[in-house]
N, C-alpha and C. Protein backbone atom coordinates (compact mmCIF):
# COMPACT_ATOMS: atom_id res chain seq x y z
N UNK A 1 58.03 27.02 113.81
CA UNK A 1 59.13 26.70 113.56
C UNK A 1 58.92 25.64 112.77
N UNK A 2 58.03 25.10 112.15
CA UNK A 2 58.04 24.22 111.33
C UNK A 2 58.52 24.70 109.79
N UNK A 3 58.10 26.15 109.19
CA UNK A 3 58.58 26.60 108.05
C UNK A 3 59.80 26.61 107.77
N UNK A 4 61.06 27.35 108.77
CA UNK A 4 62.31 27.38 108.23
C UNK A 4 62.81 26.26 109.06
N UNK A 5 62.58 25.16 110.00
CA UNK A 5 63.51 24.32 109.94
C UNK A 5 63.15 23.01 109.19
N UNK A 6 61.59 22.82 108.68
CA UNK A 6 61.31 21.64 107.76
C UNK A 6 61.78 22.13 106.43
N UNK A 7 61.52 23.16 105.92
CA UNK A 7 61.62 23.74 104.50
C UNK A 7 62.69 24.42 103.97
N UNK A 8 63.75 23.63 103.35
CA UNK A 8 64.77 24.28 103.02
C UNK A 8 64.52 25.35 101.95
N UNK A 9 63.46 25.30 101.43
CA UNK A 9 62.99 26.09 100.37
C UNK A 9 62.65 27.58 100.81
N UNK A 10 61.84 27.57 101.85
CA UNK A 10 61.52 29.17 102.57
C UNK A 10 62.83 29.60 103.24
N UNK A 11 63.65 28.73 103.76
CA UNK A 11 64.81 29.51 104.47
C UNK A 11 65.75 29.94 103.60
N UNK A 12 65.94 29.07 102.41
CA UNK A 12 66.89 29.55 101.50
C UNK A 12 66.18 30.73 100.69
N UNK A 13 65.20 30.87 100.18
CA UNK A 13 64.46 31.96 100.19
C UNK A 13 64.65 33.24 100.84
N UNK A 14 64.39 33.02 101.94
CA UNK A 14 64.67 34.22 103.04
C UNK A 14 66.35 34.72 102.97
N UNK A 15 67.03 33.67 103.05
CA UNK A 15 68.31 34.10 103.12
C UNK A 15 68.85 34.79 101.48
N UNK A 16 68.53 34.31 100.67
CA UNK A 16 68.90 34.87 99.52
C UNK A 16 68.51 36.30 99.58
N UNK A 17 67.42 36.59 99.79
CA UNK A 17 66.69 37.95 99.85
C UNK A 17 67.53 38.67 100.76
N UNK A 18 67.71 38.34 101.90
CA UNK A 18 68.67 39.00 103.00
C UNK A 18 70.09 39.27 102.28
N UNK A 19 70.77 38.30 101.67
CA UNK A 19 72.13 38.46 101.39
C UNK A 19 72.06 39.55 99.93
N UNK A 20 70.99 39.60 99.32
CA UNK A 20 70.97 40.31 97.86
C UNK A 20 70.85 41.58 98.46
N UNK A 21 69.81 41.99 99.45
CA UNK A 21 69.11 43.28 99.65
C UNK A 21 69.90 43.70 100.66
N UNK A 22 70.14 43.33 101.93
CA UNK A 22 70.96 43.71 103.05
C UNK A 22 72.32 43.83 103.20
N UNK A 23 72.72 42.68 103.00
CA UNK A 23 74.06 42.26 103.20
C UNK A 23 74.94 42.23 101.52
N UNK A 24 74.28 43.03 100.45
CA UNK A 24 74.91 42.74 99.35
C UNK A 24 76.44 43.17 99.39
N UNK A 25 77.38 42.47 99.16
CA UNK A 25 78.84 42.86 98.98
C UNK A 25 79.67 42.22 100.28
N UNK A 26 78.77 41.80 101.22
CA UNK A 26 79.64 41.32 102.54
C UNK A 26 79.96 40.03 102.10
N UNK A 27 81.35 39.90 102.60
CA UNK A 27 81.89 38.46 102.21
C UNK A 27 81.05 37.28 102.87
N UNK A 28 80.90 36.07 102.31
CA UNK A 28 80.09 35.06 103.00
C UNK A 28 80.59 34.64 104.43
N UNK A 29 82.11 34.45 104.13
CA UNK A 29 82.63 33.90 105.37
C UNK A 29 82.64 34.91 107.00
N UNK A 30 82.02 35.89 106.52
CA UNK A 30 81.94 36.89 107.70
C UNK A 30 80.38 37.04 108.11
N UNK A 31 79.58 35.91 107.52
CA UNK A 31 78.08 36.15 107.88
C UNK A 31 78.08 34.68 108.51
N UNK A 32 77.11 34.88 109.77
CA UNK A 32 76.65 33.93 110.48
C UNK A 32 75.18 33.85 110.39
N UNK A 33 74.51 32.54 110.14
CA UNK A 33 73.13 32.56 110.11
C UNK A 33 72.32 31.61 111.24
N UNK A 34 71.36 32.51 111.86
CA UNK A 34 70.76 31.81 113.07
C UNK A 34 69.21 31.73 112.73
N UNK A 35 68.65 30.78 112.91
CA UNK A 35 67.49 30.51 113.24
C UNK A 35 66.66 30.88 114.72
N UNK A 36 66.23 31.79 115.06
CA UNK A 36 65.50 32.20 116.21
C UNK A 36 64.18 32.07 116.17
N UNK A 37 63.41 31.10 117.15
CA UNK A 37 61.95 30.61 116.95
C UNK A 37 61.68 30.80 118.38
N UNK A 38 60.40 31.37 118.42
CA UNK A 38 59.67 31.92 119.48
C UNK A 38 58.52 30.50 119.68
N UNK A 39 58.69 30.11 120.87
CA UNK A 39 58.02 28.74 120.91
C UNK A 39 56.56 29.22 121.98
N UNK A 40 55.70 28.52 121.93
CA UNK A 40 54.33 29.18 122.68
C UNK A 40 54.67 28.84 124.13
N UNK A 41 53.98 30.39 124.93
CA UNK A 41 54.20 30.44 126.14
C UNK A 41 53.71 29.04 127.01
N UNK A 42 54.44 28.76 127.90
CA UNK A 42 53.82 27.46 128.75
C UNK A 42 53.01 28.00 129.79
N UNK A 43 52.37 27.06 130.41
CA UNK A 43 51.46 27.19 131.55
C UNK A 43 52.00 28.07 132.60
N UNK A 44 53.35 27.80 132.71
CA UNK A 44 54.10 28.53 133.97
C UNK A 44 54.14 29.79 133.75
N UNK A 45 54.38 30.66 132.86
CA UNK A 45 54.28 31.96 132.64
C UNK A 45 54.12 32.56 131.12
N UNK A 46 53.68 33.62 131.29
CA UNK A 46 53.38 34.61 129.86
C UNK A 46 54.37 34.65 129.02
N UNK A 47 55.67 34.68 129.32
CA UNK A 47 56.79 34.85 128.54
C UNK A 47 57.26 33.40 127.61
N UNK A 48 57.43 33.96 126.26
CA UNK A 48 57.75 32.39 125.51
C UNK A 48 59.01 32.03 125.56
N UNK A 49 59.55 30.96 125.24
CA UNK A 49 60.83 30.57 125.24
C UNK A 49 61.03 30.61 124.04
N UNK A 50 62.31 30.69 123.87
CA UNK A 50 63.03 31.02 122.46
C UNK A 50 63.96 29.74 122.06
N UNK A 51 63.93 29.32 120.93
CA UNK A 51 65.05 28.38 120.47
C UNK A 51 65.34 29.06 119.71
N UNK A 52 66.76 28.53 119.32
CA UNK A 52 67.71 29.03 118.59
C UNK A 52 68.79 28.04 118.11
N UNK A 53 68.81 28.19 116.54
CA UNK A 53 70.05 27.43 116.03
C UNK A 53 70.89 28.06 115.22
N UNK A 54 72.15 27.44 114.97
CA UNK A 54 73.00 28.24 113.82
C UNK A 54 73.06 27.34 112.89
N UNK A 55 73.00 27.79 111.74
CA UNK A 55 73.40 27.25 110.37
C UNK A 55 74.52 27.28 110.18
N UNK A 56 75.54 26.30 110.12
CA UNK A 56 77.06 26.18 110.20
C UNK A 56 77.34 26.19 108.81
N UNK A 57 76.61 25.95 107.73
CA UNK A 57 77.16 25.89 106.37
C UNK A 57 76.21 26.24 105.19
N UNK A 58 76.44 27.71 105.10
CA UNK A 58 76.10 28.29 103.61
C UNK A 58 76.61 27.83 102.54
N UNK A 59 75.99 27.05 101.67
CA UNK A 59 76.86 26.39 100.27
C UNK A 59 76.13 27.63 98.92
N UNK A 60 77.36 27.66 98.39
CA UNK A 60 77.13 28.38 97.25
C UNK A 60 76.71 27.99 95.92
N UNK A 61 75.86 28.21 95.35
CA UNK A 61 75.56 27.66 93.98
C UNK A 61 76.41 28.13 93.12
N UNK A 62 77.60 27.13 92.86
CA UNK A 62 78.78 27.70 91.96
C UNK A 62 78.21 27.53 90.26
N UNK A 63 77.57 26.96 90.01
CA UNK A 63 76.67 27.31 88.30
C UNK A 63 76.21 28.56 88.28
N UNK A 64 75.54 28.88 89.24
CA UNK A 64 74.81 30.35 89.37
C UNK A 64 76.16 31.40 89.34
N UNK A 65 77.08 31.16 90.49
CA UNK A 65 78.06 31.77 90.34
C UNK A 65 78.87 32.62 89.01
N UNK A 66 78.98 31.06 88.46
CA UNK A 66 79.77 31.17 87.06
C UNK A 66 78.89 32.05 86.14
N UNK A 67 77.66 31.33 85.86
CA UNK A 67 76.47 32.38 85.27
C UNK A 67 76.77 34.18 85.22
N UNK A 68 76.68 34.12 86.43
CA UNK A 68 76.85 35.92 86.99
C UNK A 68 77.96 36.61 86.68
N UNK A 69 79.13 35.76 85.97
CA UNK A 69 80.37 36.16 85.49
C UNK A 69 81.23 36.54 86.71
N UNK A 70 81.30 35.87 88.04
CA UNK A 70 82.03 36.08 89.03
C UNK A 70 83.45 35.66 88.58
N UNK A 71 84.56 36.18 89.12
CA UNK A 71 86.16 35.65 88.82
C UNK A 71 86.19 34.32 89.30
N UNK A 72 86.74 33.74 88.67
CA UNK A 72 86.73 32.09 89.12
C UNK A 72 87.24 31.29 88.20
N UNK A 73 88.14 30.16 88.00
CA UNK A 73 89.01 29.42 87.13
C UNK A 73 88.30 28.03 86.96
N UNK A 74 88.06 27.84 86.08
CA UNK A 74 87.29 26.69 85.52
C UNK A 74 88.44 25.61 84.82
N UNK A 75 88.45 24.48 85.50
CA UNK A 75 89.28 23.37 84.89
C UNK A 75 88.43 21.99 84.13
N UNK A 76 88.42 22.05 83.17
CA UNK A 76 88.16 20.88 82.54
C UNK A 76 88.84 19.66 82.93
N UNK A 77 88.42 18.49 83.29
CA UNK A 77 89.09 17.47 83.69
C UNK A 77 89.02 16.53 82.27
N UNK A 78 90.12 15.80 82.35
CA UNK A 78 89.77 14.83 80.91
C UNK A 78 89.28 13.65 80.98
N UNK A 79 89.01 12.90 80.28
CA UNK A 79 87.69 11.77 79.87
C UNK A 79 88.05 10.73 80.95
N UNK A 80 89.67 10.16 81.40
CA UNK A 80 89.40 9.16 82.06
C UNK A 80 89.25 9.78 83.45
N UNK A 81 89.78 11.03 83.77
CA UNK A 81 89.28 11.34 85.27
C UNK A 81 87.90 11.67 85.26
N UNK A 82 87.21 12.02 84.35
CA UNK A 82 85.29 12.42 84.37
C UNK A 82 85.24 10.87 84.63
N UNK A 83 85.33 9.95 83.64
CA UNK A 83 84.75 8.58 83.81
C UNK A 83 84.94 7.67 85.07
N UNK A 84 86.32 8.21 85.89
CA UNK A 84 86.41 7.15 87.23
C UNK A 84 85.94 8.41 88.57
N UNK A 85 85.73 9.27 88.31
CA UNK A 85 85.31 10.37 89.53
C UNK A 85 84.00 11.17 89.24
N UNK A 86 83.55 11.06 88.22
CA UNK A 86 82.19 11.48 87.69
C UNK A 86 81.95 13.07 87.85
N UNK A 87 83.18 13.68 87.80
CA UNK A 87 83.35 15.27 87.97
C UNK A 87 83.99 15.54 86.47
N UNK A 88 83.31 16.39 86.14
CA UNK A 88 83.93 17.30 84.68
C UNK A 88 84.55 18.06 85.03
N UNK A 89 84.53 18.91 85.61
CA UNK A 89 85.24 20.17 86.08
C UNK A 89 85.62 20.27 87.56
N UNK A 90 86.44 21.29 87.40
CA UNK A 90 86.76 21.87 88.98
C UNK A 90 86.84 23.16 88.86
N UNK A 91 86.22 23.93 89.84
CA UNK A 91 85.89 25.46 90.04
C UNK A 91 86.83 25.80 91.33
N UNK A 92 87.63 27.02 90.52
CA UNK A 92 88.20 27.48 92.25
C UNK A 92 88.15 29.11 91.93
N UNK A 93 87.93 29.12 93.28
CA UNK A 93 87.68 31.16 93.16
C UNK A 93 88.14 31.41 94.67
N UNK A 94 88.29 32.78 94.94
CA UNK A 94 88.94 33.25 95.98
C UNK A 94 87.54 33.49 97.12
N UNK A 95 88.15 33.28 98.34
CA UNK A 95 86.55 33.37 99.33
C UNK A 95 86.10 35.02 99.17
N UNK A 96 87.23 35.63 98.92
CA UNK A 96 86.70 37.12 99.10
C UNK A 96 85.91 37.57 97.76
N UNK A 97 85.31 36.68 96.94
CA UNK A 97 84.61 37.13 95.64
C UNK A 97 83.25 36.55 96.17
N UNK A 98 83.37 35.90 97.10
CA UNK A 98 81.77 35.14 97.33
C UNK A 98 81.13 35.92 98.54
N UNK A 99 80.62 36.58 97.89
CA UNK A 99 79.99 37.92 98.58
C UNK A 99 78.35 38.01 98.57
N UNK A 100 77.50 38.55 99.25
CA UNK A 100 76.05 38.52 99.29
C UNK A 100 75.66 39.12 97.90
N UNK A 101 74.84 38.59 97.54
CA UNK A 101 74.46 39.19 96.03
C UNK A 101 75.02 38.27 94.77
N UNK A 102 76.34 37.85 95.14
CA UNK A 102 77.03 37.56 94.02
C UNK A 102 76.28 36.27 93.16
N UNK A 103 75.40 35.43 93.90
CA UNK A 103 74.98 34.28 93.27
C UNK A 103 73.87 33.55 94.33
N UNK A 104 73.53 32.68 93.89
CA UNK A 104 72.39 32.05 94.97
C UNK A 104 73.08 31.02 95.94
N UNK A 105 72.64 31.16 97.14
CA UNK A 105 73.15 30.19 98.35
C UNK A 105 71.93 29.32 98.38
N UNK A 106 72.36 28.06 99.29
CA UNK A 106 71.32 27.42 100.06
C UNK A 106 72.01 26.98 101.46
N UNK A 107 70.95 26.36 102.31
CA UNK A 107 71.37 25.88 103.27
C UNK A 107 70.91 24.48 103.58
N UNK A 108 71.59 23.72 104.77
CA UNK A 108 71.19 22.31 105.17
C UNK A 108 71.25 22.51 106.31
N UNK A 109 70.23 21.66 107.13
CA UNK A 109 70.36 21.48 108.53
C UNK A 109 70.95 20.57 109.00
N UNK A 110 72.15 19.99 108.10
CA UNK A 110 72.73 18.51 108.49
C UNK A 110 73.78 19.02 109.50
N UNK A 111 74.42 19.97 109.61
CA UNK A 111 75.62 20.29 110.94
C UNK A 111 74.89 21.66 111.35
N UNK A 112 73.49 21.87 111.92
CA UNK A 112 73.33 22.96 112.42
C UNK A 112 73.70 22.86 113.96
N UNK A 113 73.86 23.59 114.85
CA UNK A 113 74.23 23.78 116.20
C UNK A 113 73.21 24.42 117.10
N UNK A 114 72.85 23.84 118.01
CA UNK A 114 71.85 24.44 118.67
C UNK A 114 72.34 25.49 120.24
N UNK A 115 71.93 26.18 120.29
CA UNK A 115 72.47 27.44 121.15
C UNK A 115 71.79 27.16 122.49
N UNK A 116 72.71 27.27 123.31
CA UNK A 116 71.93 27.17 124.71
C UNK A 116 71.25 28.38 125.01
N UNK A 117 71.12 28.76 126.56
CA UNK A 117 70.14 29.83 126.65
C UNK A 117 70.84 30.90 127.09
N UNK A 118 72.37 30.83 127.43
CA UNK A 118 73.19 32.19 127.46
C UNK A 118 73.37 32.83 126.28
N UNK A 119 73.53 31.97 125.20
CA UNK A 119 73.85 32.39 123.64
C UNK A 119 72.59 33.02 123.08
N UNK A 120 71.24 32.46 123.67
CA UNK A 120 70.38 32.86 123.15
C UNK A 120 69.66 34.42 123.39
N UNK A 121 70.27 34.44 124.99
CA UNK A 121 69.88 35.80 125.50
C UNK A 121 71.14 36.73 125.16
N UNK A 122 72.27 36.21 124.52
CA UNK A 122 73.48 37.25 123.99
C UNK A 122 72.90 37.75 122.67
N UNK A 123 72.44 36.79 121.58
CA UNK A 123 71.99 36.70 120.42
C UNK A 123 70.82 37.95 120.44
N UNK A 124 69.90 37.53 121.57
CA UNK A 124 68.57 38.80 121.46
C UNK A 124 69.17 40.08 121.68
N UNK A 125 70.03 40.27 122.63
CA UNK A 125 70.41 41.54 123.08
C UNK A 125 71.32 42.19 121.79
N UNK A 126 71.97 41.18 121.17
CA UNK A 126 72.93 41.81 120.16
C UNK A 126 72.19 42.44 118.89
N UNK A 127 70.75 41.58 118.60
CA UNK A 127 69.71 42.22 117.59
C UNK A 127 68.64 42.91 118.02
N UNK A 128 68.71 43.25 119.54
CA UNK A 128 67.71 44.17 119.97
C UNK A 128 66.43 43.55 119.95
N UNK A 129 66.60 42.46 120.40
CA UNK A 129 64.87 41.88 120.89
C UNK A 129 65.16 41.63 122.12
N UNK A 130 64.27 42.20 122.98
CA UNK A 130 64.18 41.73 124.34
C UNK A 130 62.88 41.27 124.91
N UNK A 131 62.89 40.58 125.73
CA UNK A 131 61.72 39.80 126.44
C UNK A 131 61.93 40.38 127.78
N UNK A 132 60.29 40.49 128.44
CA UNK A 132 60.28 41.40 129.40
C UNK A 132 61.18 40.85 130.77
N UNK A 133 61.50 39.53 130.68
CA UNK A 133 62.45 39.00 131.83
C UNK A 133 63.76 39.55 131.79
N UNK A 134 64.15 40.02 130.57
CA UNK A 134 65.36 40.35 129.99
C UNK A 134 65.55 41.74 131.00
N UNK A 135 64.66 42.40 131.08
CA UNK A 135 64.53 43.87 131.02
C UNK A 135 64.97 44.08 132.68
N UNK A 136 66.03 44.96 133.11
CA UNK A 136 66.31 44.66 134.60
C UNK A 136 65.53 45.99 134.99
N UNK A 137 65.18 46.04 136.31
CA UNK A 137 64.17 47.37 136.84
C UNK A 137 65.27 48.27 137.18
N UNK A 138 64.72 49.61 137.33
CA UNK A 138 65.98 50.70 137.58
C UNK A 138 66.30 50.40 138.82
N UNK A 139 65.62 50.02 139.88
CA UNK A 139 66.23 49.62 141.33
C UNK A 139 67.38 48.59 141.01
N UNK A 140 67.26 47.78 139.85
CA UNK A 140 68.34 46.33 140.52
C UNK A 140 69.23 46.73 139.17
N UNK A 141 69.33 48.20 138.59
CA UNK A 141 70.19 48.14 137.28
C UNK A 141 71.58 48.49 138.03
N UNK A 142 72.63 47.88 137.62
CA UNK A 142 74.03 48.41 138.01
C UNK A 142 74.68 49.42 137.17
N UNK A 143 75.20 50.21 138.10
CA UNK A 143 75.95 51.56 137.77
C UNK A 143 76.64 51.10 136.47
N UNK A 144 76.62 51.84 135.38
CA UNK A 144 77.91 51.57 134.57
C UNK A 144 77.52 50.42 133.38
N UNK A 145 76.03 50.04 133.63
CA UNK A 145 76.00 48.98 132.59
C UNK A 145 75.05 49.96 131.33
N UNK A 146 75.38 49.15 130.26
CA UNK A 146 74.95 49.67 128.98
C UNK A 146 73.43 49.11 128.62
N UNK A 147 72.66 50.05 128.28
CA UNK A 147 71.24 49.56 127.73
C UNK A 147 71.38 48.78 126.42
N UNK A 148 70.30 47.90 126.48
CA UNK A 148 70.13 47.43 125.18
C UNK A 148 70.07 48.01 124.18
N UNK A 149 70.87 47.78 122.92
CA UNK A 149 70.73 48.55 121.50
C UNK A 149 69.62 48.11 120.98
N UNK A 150 68.71 48.90 120.35
CA UNK A 150 67.61 48.70 119.50
C UNK A 150 68.00 48.37 117.95
N UNK A 151 67.49 47.33 117.70
CA UNK A 151 67.40 46.83 116.31
C UNK A 151 67.25 47.91 115.18
N UNK A 152 68.28 48.27 114.57
CA UNK A 152 68.29 49.18 113.48
C UNK A 152 68.24 48.38 112.35
N UNK A 153 68.19 47.43 111.79
CA UNK A 153 68.22 46.82 110.34
C UNK A 153 66.79 46.75 110.05
N UNK A 154 66.70 46.68 109.03
CA UNK A 154 65.17 46.48 108.38
C UNK A 154 64.50 44.89 108.76
N UNK A 155 63.30 45.00 108.85
CA UNK A 155 62.64 43.83 109.39
C UNK A 155 62.81 42.44 108.45
N UNK A 156 63.69 42.57 107.57
CA UNK A 156 63.82 41.48 106.29
C UNK A 156 65.06 40.73 107.06
N UNK A 157 65.85 41.55 107.90
CA UNK A 157 67.19 40.69 108.16
C UNK A 157 67.12 40.20 109.43
N UNK A 158 66.08 39.80 109.90
CA UNK A 158 66.17 39.33 111.21
C UNK A 158 64.62 38.10 111.07
N UNK A 159 64.73 37.49 109.96
CA UNK A 159 63.19 36.46 109.80
C UNK A 159 63.37 35.14 110.51
């Protein structure tokens, strides 16, 4: 839990690798980033607890976005405006151009959202992770219920 929760460098490195390799070309506003950690099993049972958070803001490195030649408009501010605001330029772009692999991205834990147990179980089912407690026994399975789908993404997609 310490590596991705305490180190923005490691979290950003994994995020950028996933965006460049597995989600290249996917709009950033269609992507959600979750950190799912397996906590050590407690003395009460052999099944480990899961802790999950959602990173609610992925930040675009605008300098890298510009350097890679992505479509954007750069407006230089005049001297007085720079003097009073400290901002020398304004960069505007369409959100549809901000896609996986277009530039570097970074994260912050300032606005993270903790997931409750129901959300964690739903997330695990959606990505194909199953815990022994979540597996229904054949005798208790409801008719018409769908089995959990297996994860078909490369392992780098769910670190």
